[in-house]
Amino acid sequence: MQATWMLAAAGVAAGACLAAEGEGAAKIVEVRRIWDRAPHNAFTDLVRFDGRWVCTFREGTGHVSHDGKVRVIASKDGAEWAPLALLTTPSADVPDLRDPKLTVTPDGRLMLTAAGANRTPGAAAMRTYAWSSSDGKDWAEPVRIGDDGFWLWRVTWHKGAAYTVGYNRKIVCLYRSADGRTFQTLVDRLFEEGYPNEASLAFGPDDTCLCLLRRDGKPNTAMLGTARPPYAKWTWRDLGARLGGPKLLRLPDGRWLAGGRRYDGGVRMSLMWLDPAAGKLSEFLRLPSGGDTSYPGLGMHDGLLWVSYYSSHEKKTGIYLAKAALPRKPG
């Protein structure tokens, strides 16, 4: 492996163009395996920051292990990636760092959140931490955010405030923060049925908030929540499809795009159109993937959709970067 940790591009034969929207169909431009240094590399996120891409993910000995660390890498072109930082747990009480997520704060800094987990009986099961950095290399000491026992899975900024959904094994709740350090509960019981957990929030130009919510109980289909400011009252619709590691993105042209793990017809990393009015997910592209996979980061740049994700379809679980050309919006 070279000093920049560049790996050979993966083949795209396993990818499939499915439903088209607009003129033509979505097409995979490139898929590249960008990291596999640890025994298990998974749970990614991706942001465009200061003229380059910054990607983060968990390194550990397995999907569920007590030794997770957070790796941060960066690239200007998506081909050559250099390591920036390796974050370890701030407390021995929660030795396993999981599911790092990145966002850019209103004052132009990187914010990284991750959960510290401990599965030992009687131990503090879950805490969520936030780090900040001006360059992705040097990170300030983390602060604990939210309530112990709740996993604040992904933070989204809107009009100077940070919003996130936190979950335990029974309910999800909605948090809000003015500074990204102190979070207050905005809705203490956002949703309860079917073991709700991972969630992605996105805001429309009229300030409407959409929440793409995973469920793993009975039923186990994903939910779509919609709310207007001040986001205290929510309307929910069952999307009718099981989804893991959800990520929601509003495109510049106004379309809603979702990414995550689909289970029907084989486990895979899937890209989907979301129709909020109809409450419907329509898969349009399957990325080369299989087995232990998904948890995408999404971003638009130079007319292409950039996707970070992980997969074990090439035996060792590694980190991938895909670029996709999207069809034009109808009309």
Protein backbone atom coordinates (compact mmCIF):
# COMPACT_ATOMS: atom_id res chain seq x y z
CA MET A 1 0.00 0.00 0.00
CA GLN A 2 1.35 3.42 -0.93
CA ALA A 3 2.03 6.20 1.58
CA THR A 4 -1.20 7.90 0.61
CA TRP A 5 -3.09 4.64 1.26
CA MET A 6 -4.51 4.59 -2.25
CA LEU A 7 -6.01 1.24 -3.18
CA ALA A 8 -6.98 -0.20 -6.54
CA ALA A 9 -10.34 0.83 -7.94
CA ALA A 10 -13.06 -1.76 -7.43
CA GLY A 11 -14.98 -3.16 -10.35
CA VAL A 12 -18.50 -1.89 -10.91
CA ALA A 13 -20.02 -5.00 -12.44
CA ALA A 14 -21.99 -5.66 -9.26
CA GLY A 15 -23.64 -2.24 -9.48
CA ALA A 16 -26.96 -1.94 -11.28
CA CYS A 17 -28.91 0.97 -12.70
CA LEU A 18 -32.52 0.49 -11.75
CA ALA A 19 -35.30 3.06 -11.96
CA ALA A 20 -34.55 6.23 -13.91
CA GLU A 21 -35.89 9.62 -12.98
CA GLY A 22 -35.80 12.28 -15.64
CA GLU A 23 -33.67 11.99 -18.75
CA GLY A 24 -31.55 8.85 -18.80
CA ALA A 25 -30.59 6.67 -15.84
CA ALA A 26 -28.19 7.06 -12.97
CA LYS A 27 -24.75 5.66 -13.76
CA ILE A 28 -21.79 4.62 -11.66
CA VAL A 29 -18.79 6.66 -12.79
CA GLU A 30 -16.24 5.08 -10.47
CA VAL A 31 -15.97 2.94 -7.36
CA ARG A 32 -12.71 2.86 -5.43
CA ARG A 33 -11.64 0.98 -2.32
CA ILE A 34 -9.93 3.71 -0.29
CA TRP A 35 -9.06 2.08 3.04
CA ASP A 36 -8.79 -1.35 4.65
CA ARG A 37 -5.94 -1.01 7.09
CA ALA A 38 -7.75 -2.29 10.20
CA PRO A 39 -9.20 -5.80 10.55
CA HIS A 40 -12.69 -4.26 10.26
CA ASN A 41 -13.35 -0.84 8.68
CA ALA A 42 -16.94 0.40 8.71
CA PHE A 43 -19.67 3.01 9.41
CA THR A 44 -18.60 5.95 7.27
CA ASP A 45 -19.43 9.60 6.79
CA LEU A 46 -18.22 12.15 4.24
CA VAL A 47 -18.15 15.96 3.99
CA ARG A 48 -16.65 18.53 1.65
CA PHE A 49 -14.47 20.84 3.75
CA ASP A 50 -11.88 23.48 2.87
CA GLY A 51 -11.49 22.33 -0.74
CA ARG A 52 -11.14 18.61 -0.03
CA TRP A 53 -13.11 15.57 1.05
CA VAL A 54 -12.94 14.42 4.65
CA CYS A 55 -14.06 10.88 5.41
CA THR A 56 -14.43 9.24 8.81
CA PHE A 57 -15.18 5.68 9.90
CA ARG A 58 -14.68 3.16 12.68
CA GLU A 59 -11.68 0.84 12.90
CA GLY A 60 -11.92 -2.28 15.06
CA THR A 61 -11.38 -6.01 15.16
CA GLY A 62 -15.01 -6.71 14.23
CA HIS A 63 -18.47 -5.29 13.60
CA VAL A 64 -19.23 -5.65 17.31
CA SER A 65 -16.05 -5.43 19.39
CA HIS A 66 -14.83 -3.47 22.40
CA ASP A 67 -11.95 -1.71 20.65
CA GLY A 68 -13.43 0.74 18.16
CA LYS A 69 -11.43 3.84 17.19
CA VAL A 70 -12.36 6.69 14.86
CA ARG A 71 -10.20 7.22 11.78
CA VAL A 72 -10.26 10.50 9.80
CA ILE A 73 -8.76 10.68 6.29
CA ALA A 74 -8.79 13.34 3.55
CA SER A 75 -8.41 13.67 -0.22
CA LYS A 76 -8.52 16.45 -2.79
CA ASP A 77 -9.51 14.24 -5.70
CA GLY A 78 -11.07 11.12 -4.14
CA ALA A 79 -8.25 8.94 -5.47
CA GLU A 80 -5.37 9.49 -3.06
CA TRP A 81 -6.24 9.57 0.64
CA ALA A 82 -4.03 10.60 3.53
CA PRO A 83 -4.68 9.83 7.22
CA LEU A 84 -5.39 12.89 9.37
CA ALA A 85 -6.30 11.61 12.82
CA LEU A 86 -7.13 8.58 14.93
CA LEU A 87 -9.47 9.33 17.84
CA THR A 88 -9.71 6.99 20.80
CA THR A 89 -12.25 6.73 23.58
CA PRO A 90 -12.17 9.59 26.12
CA SER A 91 -13.23 7.20 28.91
CA ALA A 92 -12.36 3.63 29.80
CA ASP A 93 -15.99 3.23 30.89
CA VAL A 94 -17.04 3.20 27.23
CA PRO A 95 -14.13 1.55 25.35
CA ASP A 96 -15.76 1.17 21.94
CA LEU A 97 -16.19 4.25 19.71
CA ARG A 98 -18.87 3.73 17.06
CA ASP A 99 -20.50 5.37 14.01
CA PRO A 100 -18.60 8.66 13.67
CA LYS A 101 -20.48 11.40 11.82
CA LEU A 102 -19.19 14.67 10.37
CA THR A 103 -20.79 18.06 9.86
CA VAL A 104 -19.57 21.61 9.29
CA THR A 105 -20.57 24.15 11.95
CA PRO A 106 -21.88 27.64 11.15
CA ASP A 107 -18.50 29.12 12.11
CA GLY A 108 -16.68 26.90 9.59
CA ARG A 109 -15.29 24.14 11.80
CA LEU A 110 -15.54 20.39 11.50
CA MET A 111 -17.73 18.72 14.10
CA LEU A 112 -17.43 14.98 14.66
CA THR A 113 -19.78 12.96 16.83
CA ALA A 114 -19.46 9.34 17.90
CA ALA A 115 -20.88 7.08 20.56
CA GLY A 116 -18.85 5.32 23.23
CA ALA A 117 -20.26 1.88 24.06
CA ASN A 118 -19.73 -0.69 26.79
CA ARG A 119 -21.60 -4.00 26.63
CA THR A 120 -20.37 -5.31 29.99
CA PRO A 121 -23.37 -6.04 32.25
CA GLY A 122 -23.92 -3.25 34.77
CA ALA A 123 -21.64 -0.79 32.95
CA ALA A 124 -22.56 2.60 31.46
CA ALA A 125 -23.97 1.34 28.17
CA MET A 126 -23.79 4.41 25.94
CA ARG A 127 -22.51 7.97 25.84
CA THR A 128 -22.25 10.36 22.90
CA TYR A 129 -19.29 12.69 22.38
CA ALA A 130 -18.53 15.63 20.10
CA TRP A 131 -15.12 16.79 18.86
CA SER A 132 -14.28 19.96 16.90
CA SER A 133 -11.39 20.85 14.59
CA SER A 134 -10.34 23.62 12.23
CA ASP A 135 -8.35 21.31 9.93
CA GLY A 136 -9.42 17.69 10.57
CA LYS A 137 -5.99 16.86 11.99
CA ASP A 138 -5.97 18.46 15.42
CA TRP A 139 -9.13 17.91 17.46
CA ALA A 140 -10.18 19.61 20.68
CA GLU A 141 -10.97 17.49 23.72
CA PRO A 142 -14.40 15.91 23.29
CA VAL A 143 -17.48 16.97 25.22
CA ARG A 144 -20.34 14.70 26.26
CA ILE A 145 -23.60 15.60 24.54
CA GLY A 146 -27.16 14.53 25.22
CA ASP A 147 -28.24 12.10 27.94
CA ASP A 148 -26.37 9.02 29.09
CA GLY A 149 -27.98 5.92 27.67
CA PHE A 150 -29.03 7.75 24.48
CA TRP A 151 -27.12 7.55 21.22
CA LEU A 152 -27.19 10.86 19.34
CA TRP A 153 -26.54 9.30 15.97
CA ARG A 154 -26.17 12.17 13.44
CA VAL A 155 -26.13 15.98 13.85
CA THR A 156 -27.59 18.34 11.24
CA TRP A 157 -27.26 22.13 11.35
CA HIS A 158 -30.06 24.44 10.21
CA LYS A 159 -30.19 28.22 10.60
CA GLY A 160 -27.53 28.31 13.28
CA ALA A 161 -28.90 25.45 15.39
CA ALA A 162 -27.89 21.79 15.60
CA TYR A 163 -30.54 19.06 15.57
CA THR A 164 -30.14 15.36 16.23
CA VAL A 165 -32.21 12.29 17.06
CA GLY A 166 -31.12 10.25 20.06
CA TYR A 167 -32.26 6.71 20.78
CA ASN A 168 -32.18 4.00 23.42
CA ARG A 169 -33.83 0.59 23.10
CA LYS A 170 -37.40 1.88 23.37
CA ILE A 171 -37.81 5.41 22.04
CA VAL A 172 -36.18 8.16 20.02
CA CYS A 173 -36.14 11.81 21.06
CA LEU A 174 -35.26 15.05 19.30
CA TYR A 175 -32.45 17.29 20.59
CA ARG A 176 -31.53 20.86 19.71
CA SER A 177 -28.36 22.87 20.42
CA ALA A 178 -27.33 26.46 19.81
CA ASP A 179 -23.58 25.75 20.06
CA GLY A 180 -23.07 22.05 19.30
CA ARG A 181 -21.95 21.40 22.85
CA THR A 182 -25.04 21.66 25.04
CA PHE A 183 -28.11 19.83 23.72
CA GLN A 184 -31.62 20.23 25.09
CA THR A 185 -34.47 17.81 24.54
CA LEU A 186 -36.96 19.32 22.12
CA VAL A 187 -39.29 16.29 21.84
CA ASP A 188 -38.88 13.62 24.52
CA ARG A 189 -40.89 10.93 22.70
CA LEU A 190 -40.45 11.47 19.01
CA PHE A 191 -41.35 7.91 18.01
CA GLU A 192 -41.74 4.62 19.92
CA GLU A 193 -43.01 1.72 17.81
CA GLY A 194 -40.80 -1.06 16.42
CA TYR A 195 -37.44 -0.32 18.12
CA PRO A 196 -36.67 2.97 16.33
CA ASN A 197 -32.99 3.94 16.26
CA GLU A 198 -30.72 5.49 13.57
CA ALA A 199 -32.09 8.66 11.97
CA SER A 200 -31.08 11.27 9.41
CA LEU A 201 -32.57 14.79 9.40
CA ALA A 202 -32.71 17.18 6.46
CA PHE A 203 -34.39 20.56 5.98
CA GLY A 204 -36.20 22.03 3.01
CA PRO A 205 -36.07 25.67 1.88
CA ASP A 206 -39.34 26.37 3.70
CA ASP A 207 -37.79 25.05 6.95
CA THR A 208 -39.76 21.80 6.85
CA CYS A 209 -37.74 19.04 8.52
CA LEU A 210 -37.73 15.46 7.25
CA CYS A 211 -36.59 12.54 9.41
CA LEU A 212 -35.62 9.21 7.84
CA LEU A 213 -35.85 6.70 10.70
CA ARG A 214 -34.65 3.11 10.92
CA ARG A 215 -36.59 0.43 12.82
CA ASP A 216 -35.46 -3.08 13.78
CA GLY A 217 -38.39 -4.47 15.75
CA LYS A 218 -41.90 -5.48 14.74
CA PRO A 219 -42.61 -3.85 12.36
CA ASN A 220 -39.10 -3.18 11.02
CA THR A 221 -39.85 -0.87 8.08
CA ALA A 222 -38.38 2.64 7.92
CA MET A 223 -40.48 5.66 8.84
CA LEU A 224 -40.59 9.16 7.39
CA GLY A 225 -41.31 11.99 9.81
CA THR A 226 -42.25 15.52 8.78
CA ALA A 227 -42.50 18.65 10.92
CA ARG A 228 -42.66 22.40 10.65
CA PRO A 229 -40.95 24.84 13.05
CA PRO A 230 -40.64 24.67 16.01
CA TYR A 231 -40.51 20.89 15.27
CA ALA A 232 -42.62 19.88 18.24
CA LYS A 233 -45.40 18.13 16.27
CA TRP A 234 -44.56 15.37 13.79
CA THR A 235 -46.45 13.43 11.15
CA TRP A 236 -45.21 9.90 10.39
CA ARG A 237 -45.57 7.61 7.38
CA ASP A 238 -44.43 4.00 6.97
CA LEU A 239 -42.13 3.75 3.93
CA GLY A 240 -42.73 0.01 3.59
CA ALA A 241 -39.06 -0.94 3.24
CA ARG A 242 -36.45 -2.02 5.74
CA LEU A 243 -33.45 0.32 5.80
CA GLY A 244 -30.18 0.41 7.74
CA GLY A 245 -27.66 3.23 8.21
CA PRO A 246 -29.96 5.89 6.69
CA LYS A 247 -28.69 9.10 5.13
CA LEU A 248 -30.97 11.76 3.65
CA LEU A 249 -29.81 14.47 1.24
CA ARG A 250 -31.72 17.28 -0.48
CA LEU A 251 -30.20 17.90 -3.91
CA PRO A 252 -29.67 21.45 -5.27
CA ASP A 253 -32.56 20.86 -7.69
CA GLY A 254 -34.94 20.08 -4.83
CA ARG A 255 -35.10 16.30 -5.12
CA TRP A 256 -34.71 14.14 -2.02
CA LEU A 257 -32.13 11.33 -2.16
CA ALA A 258 -31.65 8.60 0.43
CA GLY A 259 -28.87 6.10 0.96
CA GLY A 260 -28.62 3.05 3.18
CA ARG A 261 -28.67 -0.72 3.50
CA ARG A 262 -31.53 -2.52 1.77
CA TYR A 263 -32.43 -6.08 2.75
CA ASP A 264 -35.05 -7.19 0.23
CA GLY A 265 -33.55 -9.23 -2.60
CA GLY A 266 -30.12 -9.39 -0.94
CA VAL A 267 -28.25 -7.07 1.42
CA ARG A 268 -26.68 -4.17 -0.46
CA MET A 269 -25.69 -0.50 -0.42
CA SER A 270 -28.63 1.25 -2.09
CA LEU A 271 -29.36 4.73 -3.44
CA MET A 272 -33.03 5.73 -3.54
CA TRP A 273 -35.30 8.58 -4.48
CA LEU A 274 -37.59 9.71 -1.68
CA ASP A 275 -41.02 11.10 -2.52
CA PRO A 276 -42.14 12.80 0.73
CA ALA A 277 -45.67 13.50 -0.55
CA ALA A 278 -46.28 9.87 -1.51
CA GLY A 279 -44.25 8.41 1.37
CA LYS A 280 -42.28 6.24 -1.04
CA LEU A 281 -38.69 5.08 -1.52
CA SER A 282 -37.64 4.08 -5.05
CA GLU A 283 -34.28 2.37 -5.48
CA PHE A 284 -32.39 3.62 -8.53
CA LEU A 285 -28.82 2.40 -8.03
CA ARG A 286 -27.11 -0.49 -6.29
CA LEU A 287 -23.45 0.04 -5.50
CA PRO A 288 -20.95 -2.85 -5.51
CA SER A 289 -21.56 -4.30 -2.05
CA GLY A 290 -22.74 -7.24 -0.01
CA GLY A 291 -22.64 -8.88 3.39
CA ASP A 292 -21.66 -6.38 6.07
CA THR A 293 -22.29 -3.09 4.25
CA SER A 294 -23.84 0.40 3.98
CA TYR A 295 -23.70 3.47 6.30
CA PRO A 296 -23.09 6.05 3.57
CA GLY A 297 -21.90 9.61 3.55
CA LEU A 298 -23.35 11.65 0.67
CA GLY A 299 -22.34 14.85 -1.07
CA MET A 300 -22.71 16.63 -4.42
CA HIS A 301 -19.64 18.08 -6.17
CA ASP A 302 -18.91 19.04 -9.78
CA GLY A 303 -22.22 17.59 -10.91
CA LEU A 304 -21.62 14.14 -9.40
CA LEU A 305 -22.93 12.39 -6.33
CA TRP A 306 -20.08 11.25 -4.07
CA VAL A 307 -20.77 8.34 -1.73
CA SER A 308 -18.63 6.86 1.02
CA TYR A 309 -19.70 3.47 2.36
CA TYR A 310 -18.30 0.19 3.62
CA SER A 311 -18.71 -3.36 2.40
CA SER A 312 -17.42 -6.91 2.80
CA HIS A 313 -18.20 -8.16 -0.71
CA GLU A 314 -14.45 -8.44 -1.42
CA LYS A 315 -13.94 -10.57 1.72
CA LYS A 316 -12.23 -8.03 3.97
CA THR A 317 -14.54 -5.28 5.22
CA GLY A 318 -13.22 -2.03 3.74
CA ILE A 319 -14.12 1.57 2.95
CA TYR A 320 -15.29 2.53 -0.56
CA LEU A 321 -15.85 5.75 -2.44
CA ALA A 322 -18.30 5.86 -5.35
CA LYS A 323 -19.11 8.59 -7.83
CA ALA A 324 -22.45 8.53 -9.64
CA ALA A 325 -23.98 10.63 -12.39
CA LEU A 326 -27.65 11.35 -11.70
CA PRO A 327 -30.40 11.82 -14.26
CA ARG A 328 -31.89 15.23 -14.78
CA LYS A 329 -34.92 16.28 -12.80
CA PRO A 330 -38.11 15.75 -14.79
CA GLY A 331 -39.44 18.92 -16.39
